[in-house]
Amino acid sequence: MGKKKKIVQSKEDKYQHSWKIVLSDKCEVCTTQCTRGLRYLQKMSVPGSSGKGVPCHLTKGKAMK
């Protein structure tokens, strides 16, 4: 039998399951905009685009207001 490869996750994606999903309106007013949020904002600025949100690293373990 061969050995199974261990999937290596980046630090950013390690806790993604516990982050809250935010929409572009929250990313737009965020004071510390991340690259993931900025890419999502750029994608949503195209007319007719639809999205499901993006995980926010600032909401890890916090309640988003």
Protein backbone atom coordinates (compact mmCIF):
# COMPACT_ATOMS: atom_id res chain seq x y z
CA MET A 1 0.00 0.00 0.00
CA GLY A 2 1.14 3.51 -0.79
CA LYS A 3 1.25 6.35 1.66
CA LYS A 4 -1.47 8.95 1.57
CA LYS A 5 -0.45 12.50 0.79
CA LYS A 6 -1.15 14.99 3.53
CA ILE A 7 -3.00 18.05 2.28
CA VAL A 8 -1.25 21.20 3.43
CA GLN A 9 -3.51 24.18 4.08
CA SER A 10 -2.36 27.75 4.19
CA LYS A 11 -2.73 29.69 7.43
CA GLU A 12 -5.46 31.77 5.81
CA ASP A 13 -7.56 28.74 4.83
CA LYS A 14 -6.98 26.73 8.02
CA TYR A 15 -9.81 28.36 9.97
CA GLN A 16 -11.99 29.31 7.00
CA HIS A 17 -14.78 27.00 8.20
CA SER A 18 -15.26 29.11 11.34
CA TRP A 19 -15.21 32.49 9.59
CA LYS A 20 -18.42 34.31 8.78
CA ILE A 21 -19.41 34.91 5.18
CA VAL A 22 -19.73 38.60 4.37
CA LEU A 23 -21.11 40.29 1.29
CA SER A 24 -19.58 43.11 -0.71
CA ASP A 25 -21.31 45.84 1.32
CA LYS A 26 -19.40 44.77 4.46
CA CYS A 27 -16.12 44.51 2.54
CA GLU A 28 -16.60 47.97 1.12
CA VAL A 29 -16.85 49.67 4.54
CA CYS A 30 -14.20 47.52 6.23
CA THR A 31 -11.35 49.52 7.75
CA THR A 32 -8.76 46.77 7.17
CA GLN A 33 -9.52 45.52 3.67
CA CYS A 34 -7.82 42.24 2.77
CA THR A 35 -6.82 41.05 -0.68
CA ARG A 36 -9.56 38.41 -0.72
CA GLY A 37 -12.19 41.07 0.03
CA LEU A 38 -10.80 43.45 -2.56
CA ARG A 39 -10.88 40.73 -5.24
CA TYR A 40 -14.50 40.01 -4.28
CA LEU A 41 -15.38 43.72 -4.49
CA GLN A 42 -13.82 43.91 -7.94
CA LYS A 43 -15.76 40.83 -9.06
CA MET A 44 -19.05 42.20 -7.72
CA SER A 45 -18.53 45.60 -9.39
CA VAL A 46 -19.22 44.03 -12.80
CA PRO A 47 -22.89 44.60 -13.76
CA GLY A 48 -24.98 41.43 -13.59
CA SER A 49 -22.57 39.51 -11.37
CA SER A 50 -23.85 37.40 -8.51
CA GLY A 51 -21.92 36.08 -5.56
CA LYS A 52 -22.38 34.15 -2.35
CA GLY A 53 -20.02 36.21 -0.22
CA VAL A 54 -16.47 35.74 0.95
CA PRO A 55 -15.10 34.38 4.27
CA CYS A 56 -13.85 37.23 6.44
CA HIS A 57 -10.77 36.59 8.56
CA LEU A 58 -11.72 39.44 10.90
CA THR A 59 -14.86 37.61 12.03
CA LYS A 60 -13.03 34.54 13.36
CA GLY A 61 -14.56 34.00 16.78
CA LYS A 62 -16.37 37.37 16.72
CA ALA A 63 -19.91 38.40 15.98
CA MET A 64 -20.25 40.61 12.91
CA LYS A 65 -22.54 43.60 13.42
